[in-house]
Amino acid sequence: MQEGGQVAKEVRRLAQHSAAATKEIKPLVGDSSAHLQQGGLLVAKAGDAMQRMVDSITGVVNKGANFRELAVNRAMAPAMGDVLTVLVAQLCLPGSTLALRAAQQPSASLYLNHL
C-alpha cells in the first residue's frame, strides 16, 4: 500500500508542476500573439510605404520620359517649321504654275511623289 501512496504523491506533485508551468506559459502565449499582431500591422504599413515609393519612382520616370520627349520635339521644331514652310509655299503656288510644273513632268504622279 505504501507504494500506491508514493505513486499518488508523485502524480499530485507532477500535476502541481504542470499547473504551475501552464500558468507561466499562458501569459507568454498572450504576449506572443500581441507581438504577432503588432508585427502584422507593421508589415502592412511597410508594404504601403513601399507601394508609395514605387508610385513616386514611377511618376519620376514618367516625368523624365515626358521631359525627354518634349526636349526632342523642341529640338526638332525648327526643322519641322522649315518643312512646313516649304509645304505651304508649294501648296500656295498659283494654280497655273502648279499645272505648268505638272505638265513638265513625265507624269503627274511622279511630280506628286516628288512633293
PDB file of N, CA and C in Angstrom:
ATOM      1  N   MET A   1       0.810  -1.182   0.000  1.00  0.00           N
ATOM      2  CA  MET A   1       0.000   0.000   0.000  1.00  0.00           C
ATOM      3  C   MET A   1       0.854   1.245   0.000  1.00  0.00           C
ATOM      4  N   GLN A   2       1.961   1.112   0.584  1.00  0.00           N
ATOM      5  CA  GLN A   2       2.858   2.254   0.653  1.00  0.00           C
ATOM      6  C   GLN A   2       3.303   2.674  -0.739  1.00  0.00           C
ATOM      7  N   GLU A   3       3.464   1.717  -1.640  1.00  0.00           N
ATOM      8  CA  GLU A   3       3.856   2.049  -2.999  1.00  0.00           C
ATOM      9  C   GLU A   3       2.748   2.813  -3.701  1.00  0.00           C
ATOM     10  N   GLY A   4       1.502   2.469  -3.518  1.00  0.00           N
ATOM     11  CA  GLY A   4       0.372   3.169  -4.118  1.00  0.00           C
ATOM     12  C   GLY A   4       0.323   4.604  -3.636  1.00  0.00           C
ATOM     13  N   GLY A   5       0.608   4.835  -2.359  1.00  0.00           N
ATOM     14  CA  GLY A   5       0.636   6.186  -1.809  1.00  0.00           C
ATOM     15  C   GLY A   5       1.771   6.998  -2.411  1.00  0.00           C
ATOM     16  N   GLN A   6       2.884   6.355  -2.626  1.00  0.00           N
ATOM     17  CA  GLN A   6       4.045   7.014  -3.241  1.00  0.00           C
ATOM     18  C   GLN A   6       3.713   7.447  -4.662  1.00  0.00           C
ATOM     19  N   VAL A   7       3.042   6.573  -5.404  1.00  0.00           N
ATOM     20  CA  VAL A   7       2.679   6.871  -6.795  1.00  0.00           C
ATOM     21  C   VAL A   7       1.688   8.030  -6.825  1.00  0.00           C
ATOM     22  N   ALA A   8       0.698   7.989  -5.928  1.00  0.00           N
ATOM     23  CA  ALA A   8      -0.302   9.060  -5.875  1.00  0.00           C
ATOM     24  C   ALA A   8       0.359  10.385  -5.523  1.00  0.00           C
ATOM     25  N   LYS A   9       1.300  10.334  -4.574  1.00  0.00           N
ATOM     26  CA  LYS A   9       2.022  11.551  -4.173  1.00  0.00           C
ATOM     27  C   LYS A   9       2.811  12.115  -5.361  1.00  0.00           C
ATOM     28  N   GLU A  10       3.458  11.238  -6.110  1.00  0.00           N
ATOM     29  CA  GLU A  10       4.248  11.665  -7.276  1.00  0.00           C
ATOM     30  C   GLU A  10       3.333  12.244  -8.357  1.00  0.00           C
ATOM     31  N   VAL A  11       2.160  11.621  -8.563  1.00  0.00           N
ATOM     32  CA  VAL A  11       1.205  12.111  -9.558  1.00  0.00           C
ATOM     33  C   VAL A  11       0.724  13.497  -9.161  1.00  0.00           C
ATOM     34  N   ARG A  12       0.416  13.705  -7.856  1.00  0.00           N
ATOM     35  CA  ARG A  12      -0.003  15.026  -7.376  1.00  0.00           C
ATOM     36  C   ARG A  12       1.080  16.070  -7.609  1.00  0.00           C
ATOM     37  N   ARG A  13       2.318  15.688  -7.292  1.00  0.00           N
ATOM     38  CA  ARG A  13       3.437  16.625  -7.477  1.00  0.00           C
ATOM     39  C   ARG A  13       3.591  16.998  -8.956  1.00  0.00           C
ATOM     40  N   LEU A  14       3.493  16.031  -9.846  1.00  0.00           N
ATOM     41  CA  LEU A  14       3.600  16.297 -11.280  1.00  0.00           C
ATOM     42  C   LEU A  14       2.436  17.160 -11.770  1.00  0.00           C
ATOM     43  N   ALA A  15       1.240  16.946 -11.257  1.00  0.00           N
ATOM     44  CA  ALA A  15       0.076  17.745 -11.639  1.00  0.00           C
ATOM     45  C   ALA A  15       0.261  19.194 -11.202  1.00  0.00           C
ATOM     46  N   GLN A  16       0.777  19.390  -9.976  1.00  0.00           N
ATOM     47  CA  GLN A  16       1.031  20.754  -9.493  1.00  0.00           C
ATOM     48  C   GLN A  16       2.100  21.440 -10.348  1.00  0.00           C
ATOM     49  N   HIS A  17       3.128  20.678 -10.670  1.00  0.00           N
ATOM     50  CA  HIS A  17       4.207  21.223 -11.501  1.00  0.00           C
ATOM     51  C   HIS A  17       3.662  21.600 -12.890  1.00  0.00           C
ATOM     52  N   SER A  18       2.810  20.751 -13.446  1.00  0.00           N
ATOM     53  CA  SER A  18       2.205  21.011 -14.750  1.00  0.00           C
ATOM     54  C   SER A  18       1.301  22.241 -14.695  1.00  0.00           C
ATOM     55  N   ALA A  19       0.530  22.395 -13.621  1.00  0.00           N
ATOM     56  CA  ALA A  19      -0.349  23.560 -13.462  1.00  0.00           C
ATOM     57  C   ALA A  19       0.476  24.838 -13.364  1.00  0.00           C
ATOM     58  N   ALA A  20       1.576  24.780 -12.616  1.00  0.00           N
ATOM     59  CA  ALA A  20       2.444  25.959 -12.480  1.00  0.00           C
ATOM     60  C   ALA A  20       3.060  26.324 -13.838  1.00  0.00           C
ATOM     61  N   ALA A  21       3.488  25.324 -14.581  1.00  0.00           N
ATOM     62  CA  ALA A  21       4.078  25.582 -15.901  1.00  0.00           C
ATOM     63  C   ALA A  21       3.034  26.173 -16.846  1.00  0.00           C
ATOM     64  N   THR A  22       1.801  25.683 -16.757  1.00  0.00           N
ATOM     65  CA  THR A  22       0.717  26.207 -17.596  1.00  0.00           C
ATOM     66  C   THR A  22       0.469  27.673 -17.277  1.00  0.00           C
ATOM     67  N   LYS A  23       0.486  28.025 -15.985  1.00  0.00           N
ATOM     68  CA  LYS A  23       0.284  29.428 -15.584  1.00  0.00           C
ATOM     69  C   LYS A  23       1.404  30.317 -16.122  1.00  0.00           C
ATOM     70  N   GLU A  24       2.620  29.788 -16.179  1.00  0.00           N
ATOM     71  CA  GLU A  24       3.745  30.568 -16.708  1.00  0.00           C
ATOM     72  C   GLU A  24       3.647  30.714 -18.239  1.00  0.00           C
ATOM     73  N   ILE A  25       3.177  29.681 -18.897  1.00  0.00           N
ATOM     74  CA  ILE A  25       3.122  29.682 -20.363  1.00  0.00           C
ATOM     75  C   ILE A  25       2.002  30.571 -20.889  1.00  0.00           C
ATOM     76  N   LYS A  26       0.856  30.600 -20.182  1.00  0.00           N
ATOM     77  CA  LYS A  26      -0.310  31.340 -20.674  1.00  0.00           C
ATOM     78  C   LYS A  26       0.009  32.808 -20.984  1.00  0.00           C
ATOM     79  N   PRO A  27       0.655  33.577 -20.094  1.00  0.00           N
ATOM     80  CA  PRO A  27       0.974  34.973 -20.444  1.00  0.00           C
ATOM     81  C   PRO A  27       1.964  35.076 -21.611  1.00  0.00           C
ATOM     82  N   LEU A  28       2.875  34.112 -21.705  1.00  0.00           N
ATOM     83  CA  LEU A  28       3.837  34.135 -22.811  1.00  0.00           C
ATOM     84  C   LEU A  28       3.130  33.958 -24.150  1.00  0.00           C
ATOM     85  N   VAL A  29       2.144  33.086 -24.197  1.00  0.00           N
ATOM     86  CA  VAL A  29       1.375  32.882 -25.425  1.00  0.00           C
ATOM     87  C   VAL A  29       0.608  34.156 -25.762  1.00  0.00           C
ATOM     88  N   GLY A  30       0.014  34.791 -24.747  1.00  0.00           N
ATOM     89  CA  GLY A  30      -0.703  36.051 -24.972  1.00  0.00           C
ATOM     90  C   GLY A  30       0.221  37.134 -25.496  1.00  0.00           C
ATOM     91  N   ASP A  31       1.405  37.241 -24.893  1.00  0.00           N
ATOM     92  CA  ASP A  31       2.380  38.238 -25.355  1.00  0.00           C
ATOM     93  C   ASP A  31       2.811  37.951 -26.794  1.00  0.00           C
ATOM     94  N   SER A  32       3.033  36.681 -27.095  1.00  0.00           N
ATOM     95  CA  SER A  32       3.450  36.316 -28.451  1.00  0.00           C
ATOM     96  C   SER A  32       2.369  36.672 -29.460  1.00  0.00           C
ATOM     97  N   SER A  33       1.118  36.431 -29.104  1.00  0.00           N
ATOM     98  CA  SER A  33       0.013  36.775 -30.005  1.00  0.00           C
ATOM     99  C   SER A  33      -0.038  38.273 -30.245  1.00  0.00           C
ATOM    100  N   ALA A  34       0.142  39.056 -29.177  1.00  0.00           N
ATOM    101  CA  ALA A  34       0.131  40.517 -29.317  1.00  0.00           C
ATOM    102  C   ALA A  34       1.289  40.978 -30.201  1.00  0.00           C
ATOM    103  N   HIS A  35       2.463  40.373 -30.001  1.00  0.00           N
ATOM    104  CA  HIS A  35       3.627  40.742 -30.823  1.00  0.00           C
ATOM    105  C   HIS A  35       3.394  40.382 -32.293  1.00  0.00           C
ATOM    106  N   LEU A  36       2.787  39.234 -32.535  1.00  0.00           N
ATOM    107  CA  LEU A  36       2.489  38.838 -33.916  1.00  0.00           C
ATOM    108  C   LEU A  36       1.503  39.801 -34.561  1.00  0.00           C
ATOM    109  N   GLN A  37       0.500  40.226 -33.794  1.00  0.00           N
ATOM    110  CA  GLN A  37      -0.485  41.166 -34.332  1.00  0.00           C
ATOM    111  C   GLN A  37       0.181  42.505 -34.650  1.00  0.00           C
ATOM    112  N   GLN A  38       1.019  42.989 -33.735  1.00  0.00           N
ATOM    113  CA  GLN A  38       1.737  44.248 -33.985  1.00  0.00           C
ATOM    114  C   GLN A  38       2.668  44.104 -35.185  1.00  0.00           C
ATOM    115  N   GLY A  39       3.332  42.961 -35.284  1.00  0.00           N
ATOM    116  CA  GLY A  39       4.218  42.715 -36.423  1.00  0.00           C
ATOM    117  C   GLY A  39       3.455  42.726 -37.736  1.00  0.00           C
ATOM    118  N   GLY A  40       2.265  42.143 -37.740  1.00  0.00           N
ATOM    119  CA  GLY A  40       1.431  42.153 -38.943  1.00  0.00           C
ATOM    120  C   GLY A  40       1.056  43.565 -39.354  1.00  0.00           C
ATOM    121  N   LEU A  41       0.722  44.406 -38.374  1.00  0.00           N
ATOM    122  CA  LEU A  41       0.391  45.804 -38.674  1.00  0.00           C
ATOM    123  C   LEU A  41       1.604  46.541 -39.239  1.00  0.00           C
ATOM    124  N   LEU A  42       2.773  46.284 -38.656  1.00  0.00           N
ATOM    125  CA  LEU A  42       3.993  46.936 -39.153  1.00  0.00           C
ATOM    126  C   LEU A  42       4.323  46.483 -40.575  1.00  0.00           C
ATOM    127  N   VAL A  43       4.115  45.211 -40.858  1.00  0.00           N
ATOM    128  CA  VAL A  43       4.355  44.706 -42.217  1.00  0.00           C
ATOM    129  C   VAL A  43       3.408  45.385 -43.201  1.00  0.00           C
ATOM    130  N   ALA A  44       2.144  45.547 -42.809  1.00  0.00           N
ATOM    131  CA  ALA A  44       1.175  46.216 -43.690  1.00  0.00           C
ATOM    132  C   ALA A  44       1.583  47.667 -43.932  1.00  0.00           C
ATOM    133  N   LYS A  45       2.024  48.364 -42.878  1.00  0.00           N
ATOM    134  CA  LYS A  45       2.467  49.755 -43.034  1.00  0.00           C
ATOM    135  C   LYS A  45       3.695  49.829 -43.937  1.00  0.00           C
ATOM    136  N   ALA A  46       4.622  48.898 -43.751  1.00  0.00           N
ATOM    137  CA  ALA A  46       5.827  48.883 -44.592  1.00  0.00           C
ATOM    138  C   ALA A  46       5.454  48.623 -46.050  1.00  0.00           C
ATOM    139  N   GLY A  47       4.502  47.723 -46.280  1.00  0.00           N
ATOM    140  CA  GLY A  47       4.041  47.455 -47.644  1.00  0.00           C
ATOM    141  C   GLY A  47       3.423  48.689 -48.277  1.00  0.00           C
ATOM    142  N   ASP A  48       2.619  49.424 -47.501  1.00  0.00           N
ATOM    143  CA  ASP A  48       2.019  50.663 -48.009  1.00  0.00           C
ATOM    144  C   ASP A  48       3.097  51.691 -48.345  1.00  0.00           C
ATOM    145  N   ALA A  49       4.090  51.815 -47.461  1.00  0.00           N
ATOM    146  CA  ALA A  49       5.174  52.774 -47.703  1.00  0.00           C
ATOM    147  C   ALA A  49       5.959  52.399 -48.960  1.00  0.00           C
ATOM    148  N   MET A  50       6.214  51.106 -49.135  1.00  0.00           N
ATOM    149  CA  MET A  50       6.944  50.667 -50.332  1.00  0.00           C
ATOM    150  C   MET A  50       6.129  50.932 -51.594  1.00  0.00           C
ATOM    151  N   GLN A  51       4.813  50.729 -51.522  1.00  0.00           N
ATOM    152  CA  GLN A  51       3.968  50.991 -52.691  1.00  0.00           C
ATOM    153  C   GLN A  51       3.989  52.474 -53.041  1.00  0.00           C
ATOM    154  N   ARG A  52       3.963  53.337 -52.012  1.00  0.00           N
ATOM    155  CA  ARG A  52       4.042  54.779 -52.274  1.00  0.00           C
ATOM    156  C   ARG A  52       5.381  55.129 -52.919  1.00  0.00           C
ATOM    157  N   MET A  53       6.458  54.463 -52.478  1.00  0.00           N
ATOM    158  CA  MET A  53       7.771  54.709 -53.080  1.00  0.00           C
ATOM    159  C   MET A  53       7.776  54.275 -54.545  1.00  0.00           C
ATOM    160  N   VAL A  54       7.213  53.113 -54.831  1.00  0.00           N
ATOM    161  CA  VAL A  54       7.147  52.626 -56.219  1.00  0.00           C
ATOM    162  C   VAL A  54       6.346  53.600 -57.072  1.00  0.00           C
ATOM    163  N   ASP A  55       5.200  54.057 -56.543  1.00  0.00           N
ATOM    164  CA  ASP A  55       4.371  55.015 -57.286  1.00  0.00           C
ATOM    165  C   ASP A  55       5.133  56.313 -57.537  1.00  0.00           C
ATOM    166  N   SER A  56       5.867  56.771 -56.525  1.00  0.00           N
ATOM    167  CA  SER A  56       6.636  58.010 -56.666  1.00  0.00           C
ATOM    168  C   SER A  56       7.743  57.850 -57.706  1.00  0.00           C
ATOM    169  N   ILE A  57       8.451  56.740 -57.649  1.00  0.00           N
ATOM    170  CA  ILE A  57       9.534  56.486 -58.608  1.00  0.00           C
ATOM    171  C   ILE A  57       8.965  56.366 -60.019  1.00  0.00           C
ATOM    172  N   THR A  58       7.831  55.686 -60.147  1.00  0.00           N
ATOM    173  CA  THR A  58       7.182  55.564 -61.452  1.00  0.00           C
ATOM    174  C   THR A  58       6.811  56.937 -61.992  1.00  0.00           C
ATOM    175  N   GLY A  59       6.308  57.807 -61.108  1.00  0.00           N
ATOM    176  CA  GLY A  59       5.968  59.167 -61.522  1.00  0.00           C
ATOM    177  C   GLY A  59       7.189  59.932 -62.005  1.00  0.00           C
ATOM    178  N   VAL A  60       8.304  59.787 -61.296  1.00  0.00           N
ATOM    179  CA  VAL A  60       9.535  60.476 -61.696  1.00  0.00           C
ATOM    180  C   VAL A  60      10.015  59.956 -63.051  1.00  0.00           C
ATOM    181  N   VAL A  61       9.971  58.638 -63.235  1.00  0.00           N
ATOM    182  CA  VAL A  61      10.402  58.051 -64.511  1.00  0.00           C
ATOM    183  C   VAL A  61       9.513  58.554 -65.647  1.00  0.00           C
ATOM    184  N   ASN A  62       8.200  58.578 -65.411  1.00  0.00           N
ATOM    185  CA  ASN A  62       7.277  59.064 -66.447  1.00  0.00           C
ATOM    186  C   ASN A  62       7.529  60.535 -66.766  1.00  0.00           C
ATOM    187  N   LYS A  63       7.785  61.336 -65.744  1.00  0.00           N
ATOM    188  CA  LYS A  63       8.069  62.752 -65.980  1.00  0.00           C
ATOM    189  C   LYS A  63       9.372  62.913 -66.755  1.00  0.00           C
ATOM    190  N   GLY A  64      10.358  62.069 -66.439  1.00  0.00           N
ATOM    191  CA  GLY A  64      11.614  62.109 -67.186  1.00  0.00           C
ATOM    192  C   GLY A  64      11.403  61.762 -68.648  1.00  0.00           C
ATOM    193  N   ALA A  65      10.574  60.749 -68.903  1.00  0.00           N
ATOM    194  CA  ALA A  65      10.284  60.364 -70.290  1.00  0.00           C
ATOM    195  C   ALA A  65       9.540  61.486 -71.005  1.00  0.00           C
ATOM    196  N   ASN A  66       8.589  62.111 -70.317  1.00  0.00           N
ATOM    197  CA  ASN A  66       7.853  63.232 -70.915  1.00  0.00           C
ATOM    198  C   ASN A  66       8.790  64.401 -71.201  1.00  0.00           C
ATOM    199  N   PHE A  67       9.711  64.658 -70.279  1.00  0.00           N
ATOM    200  CA  PHE A  67      10.670  65.745 -70.472  1.00  0.00           C
ATOM    201  C   PHE A  67      11.556  65.453 -71.674  1.00  0.00           C
ATOM    202  N   ARG A  68      11.999  64.197 -71.789  1.00  0.00           N
ATOM    203  CA  ARG A  68      12.848  63.814 -72.921  1.00  0.00           C
ATOM    204  C   ARG A  68      12.088  64.000 -74.232  1.00  0.00           C
ATOM    205  N   GLU A  69      10.836  63.553 -74.258  1.00  0.00           N
ATOM    206  CA  GLU A  69      10.026  63.689 -75.467  1.00  0.00           C
ATOM    207  C   GLU A  69       9.831  65.162 -75.817  1.00  0.00           C
ATOM    208  N   LEU A  70       9.583  65.978 -74.814  1.00  0.00           N
ATOM    209  CA  LEU A  70       9.415  67.414 -75.041  1.00  0.00           C
ATOM    210  C   LEU A  70      10.705  68.024 -75.589  1.00  0.00           C
ATOM    211  N   ALA A  71      11.850  67.620 -75.015  1.00  0.00           N
ATOM    212  CA  ALA A  71      13.135  68.150 -75.479  1.00  0.00           C
ATOM    213  C   ALA A  71      13.397  67.748 -76.929  1.00  0.00           C
ATOM    214  N   VAL A  72      13.093  66.497 -77.268  1.00  0.00           N
ATOM    215  CA  VAL A  72      13.286  66.038 -78.649  1.00  0.00           C
ATOM    216  C   VAL A  72      12.375  66.822 -79.584  1.00  0.00           C
ATOM    217  N   ASN A  73      11.118  66.998 -79.174  1.00  0.00           N
ATOM    218  CA  ASN A  73      10.175  67.750 -80.010  1.00  0.00           C
ATOM    219  C   ASN A  73      10.632  69.193 -80.198  1.00  0.00           C
ATOM    220  N   ARG A  74      11.131  69.794 -79.135  1.00  0.00           N
ATOM    221  CA  ARG A  74      11.607  71.181 -79.256  1.00  0.00           C
ATOM    222  C   ARG A  74      12.848  71.267 -80.129  1.00  0.00           C
ATOM    223  N   ALA A  75      13.697  70.259 -80.047  1.00  0.00           N
ATOM    224  CA  ALA A  75      14.901  70.260 -80.876  1.00  0.00           C
ATOM    225  C   ALA A  75      14.537  70.098 -82.347  1.00  0.00           C
ATOM    226  N   MET A  76      13.459  69.364 -82.610  1.00  0.00           N
ATOM    227  CA  MET A  76      13.050  69.132 -83.993  1.00  0.00           C
ATOM    228  C   MET A  76      12.141  70.238 -84.518  1.00  0.00           C
ATOM    229  N   ALA A  77      11.634  71.080 -83.650  1.00  0.00           N
ATOM    230  CA  ALA A  77      10.661  72.098 -84.055  1.00  0.00           C
ATOM    231  C   ALA A  77      11.167  73.013 -85.168  1.00  0.00           C
ATOM    232  N   PRO A  78      12.399  73.540 -85.091  1.00  0.00           N
ATOM    233  CA  PRO A  78      12.854  74.413 -86.186  1.00  0.00           C
ATOM    234  C   PRO A  78      12.876  73.693 -87.534  1.00  0.00           C
ATOM    235  N   ALA A  79      13.356  72.466 -87.554  1.00  0.00           N
ATOM    236  CA  ALA A  79      13.403  71.713 -88.811  1.00  0.00           C
ATOM    237  C   ALA A  79      11.997  71.431 -89.313  1.00  0.00           C
ATOM    238  N   MET A  80      11.089  71.112 -88.403  1.00  0.00           N
ATOM    239  CA  MET A  80       9.708  70.859 -88.811  1.00  0.00           C
ATOM    240  C   MET A  80       9.066  72.142 -89.330  1.00  0.00           C
ATOM    241  N   GLY A  81       9.430  73.261 -88.728  1.00  0.00           N
ATOM    242  CA  GLY A  81       8.920  74.545 -89.213  1.00  0.00           C
ATOM    243  C   GLY A  81       9.382  74.819 -90.630  1.00  0.00           C
ATOM    244  N   ASP A  82      10.642  74.496 -90.923  1.00  0.00           N
ATOM    245  CA  ASP A  82      11.161  74.683 -92.282  1.00  0.00           C
ATOM    246  C   ASP A  82      10.411  73.801 -93.270  1.00  0.00           C
ATOM    247  N   VAL A  83      10.164  72.557 -92.905  1.00  0.00           N
ATOM    248  CA  VAL A  83       9.430  71.639 -93.778  1.00  0.00           C
ATOM    249  C   VAL A  83       8.022  72.162 -94.011  1.00  0.00           C
ATOM    250  N   LEU A  84       7.370  72.625 -92.952  1.00  0.00           N
ATOM    251  CA  LEU A  84       6.020  73.166 -93.105  1.00  0.00           C
ATOM    252  C   LEU A  84       6.016  74.400 -94.005  1.00  0.00           C
ATOM    253  N   THR A  85       7.021  75.247 -93.878  1.00  0.00           N
ATOM    254  CA  THR A  85       7.107  76.441 -94.720  1.00  0.00           C
ATOM    255  C   THR A  85       7.203  76.050 -96.187  1.00  0.00           C
ATOM    256  N   VAL A  86       8.038  75.070 -96.498  1.00  0.00           N
ATOM    257  CA  VAL A  86       8.189  74.608 -97.881  1.00  0.00           C
ATOM    258  C   VAL A  86       6.884  74.020 -98.387  1.00  0.00           C
ATOM    259  N   LEU A  87       6.227  73.202 -97.563  1.00  0.00           N
ATOM    260  CA  LEU A  87       4.963  72.602 -97.986  1.00  0.00           C
ATOM    261  C   LEU A  87       3.895  73.653 -98.227  1.00  0.00           C
ATOM    262  N   VAL A  88       3.793  74.621 -97.345  1.00  0.00           N
ATOM    263  CA  VAL A  88       2.801  75.685 -97.513  1.00  0.00           C
ATOM    264  C   VAL A  88       3.111  76.490 -98.765  1.00  0.00           C
ATOM    265  N   ALA A  89       4.386  76.779 -99.002  1.00  0.00           N
ATOM    266  CA  ALA A  89       4.766  77.535-100.202  1.00  0.00           C
ATOM    267  C   ALA A  89       4.375  76.770-101.461  1.00  0.00           C
ATOM    268  N   GLN A  90       4.588  75.447-101.450  1.00  0.00           N
ATOM    269  CA  GLN A  90       4.225  74.651-102.621  1.00  0.00           C
ATOM    270  C   GLN A  90       2.719  74.599-102.814  1.00  0.00           C
ATOM    271  N   LEU A  91       1.987  74.504-101.719  1.00  0.00           N
ATOM    272  CA  LEU A  91       0.531  74.449-101.822  1.00  0.00           C
ATOM    273  C   LEU A  91      -0.063  75.789-102.242  1.00  0.00           C
ATOM    274  N   CYS A  92       0.628  76.858-101.929  1.00  0.00           N
ATOM    275  CA  CYS A  92       0.109  78.196-102.229  1.00  0.00           C
ATOM    276  C   CYS A  92       0.512  78.696-103.611  1.00  0.00           C
ATOM    277  N   LEU A  93       1.244  77.895-104.375  1.00  0.00           N
ATOM    278  CA  LEU A  93       1.607  78.316-105.731  1.00  0.00           C
ATOM    279  C   LEU A  93       0.331  78.564-106.525  1.00  0.00           C
ATOM    280  N   PRO A  94       0.343  79.546-107.377  1.00  0.00           N
ATOM    281  CA  PRO A  94      -0.839  79.758-108.219  1.00  0.00           C
ATOM    282  C   PRO A  94      -1.148  78.493-109.003  1.00  0.00           C
ATOM    283  N   GLY A  95      -2.421  78.223-109.218  1.00  0.00           N
ATOM    284  CA  GLY A  95      -2.860  77.014-109.907  1.00  0.00           C
ATOM    285  C   GLY A  95      -2.202  76.831-111.257  1.00  0.00           C
ATOM    286  N   SER A  96      -2.011  77.896-111.990  1.00  0.00           N
ATOM    287  CA  SER A  96      -1.423  77.770-113.326  1.00  0.00           C
ATOM    288  C   SER A  96       0.033  77.343-113.227  1.00  0.00           C
ATOM    289  N   THR A  97       0.761  77.855-112.247  1.00  0.00           N
ATOM    290  CA  THR A  97       2.167  77.476-112.086  1.00  0.00           C
ATOM    291  C   THR A  97       2.260  76.015-111.693  1.00  0.00           C
ATOM    292  N   LEU A  98       1.388  75.588-110.815  1.00  0.00           N
ATOM    293  CA  LEU A  98       1.376  74.193-110.393  1.00  0.00           C
ATOM    294  C   LEU A  98       1.031  73.284-111.576  1.00  0.00           C
ATOM    295  N   ALA A  99       0.052  73.687-112.380  1.00  0.00           N
ATOM    296  CA  ALA A  99      -0.321  72.906-113.562  1.00  0.00           C
ATOM    297  C   ALA A  99       0.822  72.869-114.560  1.00  0.00           C
ATOM    298  N   LEU A 100       1.530  73.996-114.726  1.00  0.00           N
ATOM    299  CA  LEU A 100       2.661  74.059-115.645  1.00  0.00           C
ATOM    300  C   LEU A 100       3.752  73.101-115.198  1.00  0.00           C
ATOM    301  N   ARG A 101       4.075  73.105-113.919  1.00  0.00           N
ATOM    302  CA  ARG A 101       5.103  72.195-113.404  1.00  0.00           C
ATOM    303  C   ARG A 101       4.680  70.747-113.596  1.00  0.00           C
ATOM    304  N   ALA A 102       3.422  70.445-113.336  1.00  0.00           N
ATOM    305  CA  ALA A 102       2.936  69.074-113.506  1.00  0.00           C
ATOM    306  C   ALA A 102       3.033  68.658-114.962  1.00  0.00           C
ATOM    307  N   ALA A 103       2.738  69.558-115.857  1.00  0.00           N
ATOM    308  CA  ALA A 103       2.788  69.247-117.289  1.00  0.00           C
ATOM    309  C   ALA A 103       4.214  68.995-117.735  1.00  0.00           C
ATOM    310  N   GLN A 104       5.175  69.620-117.101  1.00  0.00           N
ATOM    311  CA  GLN A 104       6.573  69.458-117.486  1.00  0.00           C
ATOM    312  C   GLN A 104       7.140  68.125-116.999  1.00  0.00           C
ATOM    313  N   GLN A 105       6.475  67.479-116.100  1.00  0.00           N
ATOM    314  CA  GLN A 105       6.950  66.206-115.559  1.00  0.00           C
ATOM    315  C   GLN A 105       6.521  65.073-116.483  1.00  0.00           C
ATOM    316  N   PRO A 106       7.300  63.956-116.499  1.00  0.00           N
ATOM    317  CA  PRO A 106       6.918  62.814-117.341  1.00  0.00           C
ATOM    318  C   PRO A 106       5.509  62.323-117.019  1.00  0.00           C
ATOM    319  N   SER A 107       5.156  62.355-115.775  1.00  0.00           N
ATOM    320  CA  SER A 107       3.780  62.014-115.419  1.00  0.00           C
ATOM    321  C   SER A 107       3.419  62.797-114.168  1.00  0.00           C
ATOM    322  N   ALA A 108       2.169  63.071-114.021  1.00  0.00           N
ATOM    323  CA  ALA A 108       1.723  63.849-112.864  1.00  0.00           C
ATOM    324  C   ALA A 108       1.990  63.092-111.570  1.00  0.00           C
ATOM    325  N   SER A 109       1.890  61.775-111.608  1.00  0.00           N
ATOM    326  CA  SER A 109       2.110  61.002-110.382  1.00  0.00           C
ATOM    327  C   SER A 109       3.561  61.114-109.924  1.00  0.00           C
ATOM    328  N   LEU A 110       4.508  61.147-110.873  1.00  0.00           N
ATOM    329  CA  LEU A 110       5.907  61.332-110.489  1.00  0.00           C
ATOM    330  C   LEU A 110       6.099  62.678-109.816  1.00  0.00           C
ATOM    331  N   TYR A 111       5.444  63.698-110.341  1.00  0.00           N
ATOM    332  CA  TYR A 111       5.561  65.027-109.744  1.00  0.00           C
ATOM    333  C   TYR A 111       4.981  65.029-108.330  1.00  0.00           C
ATOM    334  N   LEU A 112       3.832  64.384-108.168  1.00  0.00           N
ATOM    335  CA  LEU A 112       3.217  64.352-106.843  1.00  0.00           C
ATOM    336  C   LEU A 112       4.076  63.563-105.868  1.00  0.00           C
ATOM    337  N   ASN A 113       4.720  62.504-106.345  1.00  0.00           N
ATOM    338  CA  ASN A 113       5.627  61.750-105.478  1.00  0.00           C
ATOM    339  C   ASN A 113       6.838  62.589-105.104  1.00  0.00           C
ATOM    340  N   HIS A 114       7.242  63.477-106.010  1.00  0.00           N
ATOM    341  CA  HIS A 114       8.389  64.351-105.756  1.00  0.00           C
ATOM    342  C   HIS A 114       8.089  65.325-104.618  1.00  0.00           C
ATOM    343  N   LEU A 115       6.838  65.752-104.526  1.00  0.00           N
ATOM    344  CA  LEU A 115       6.438  66.684-103.469  1.00  0.00           C
ATOM    345  C   LEU A 115       6.576  65.994-102.157  1.00  0.00           C
TER     346      LEU A 115
END
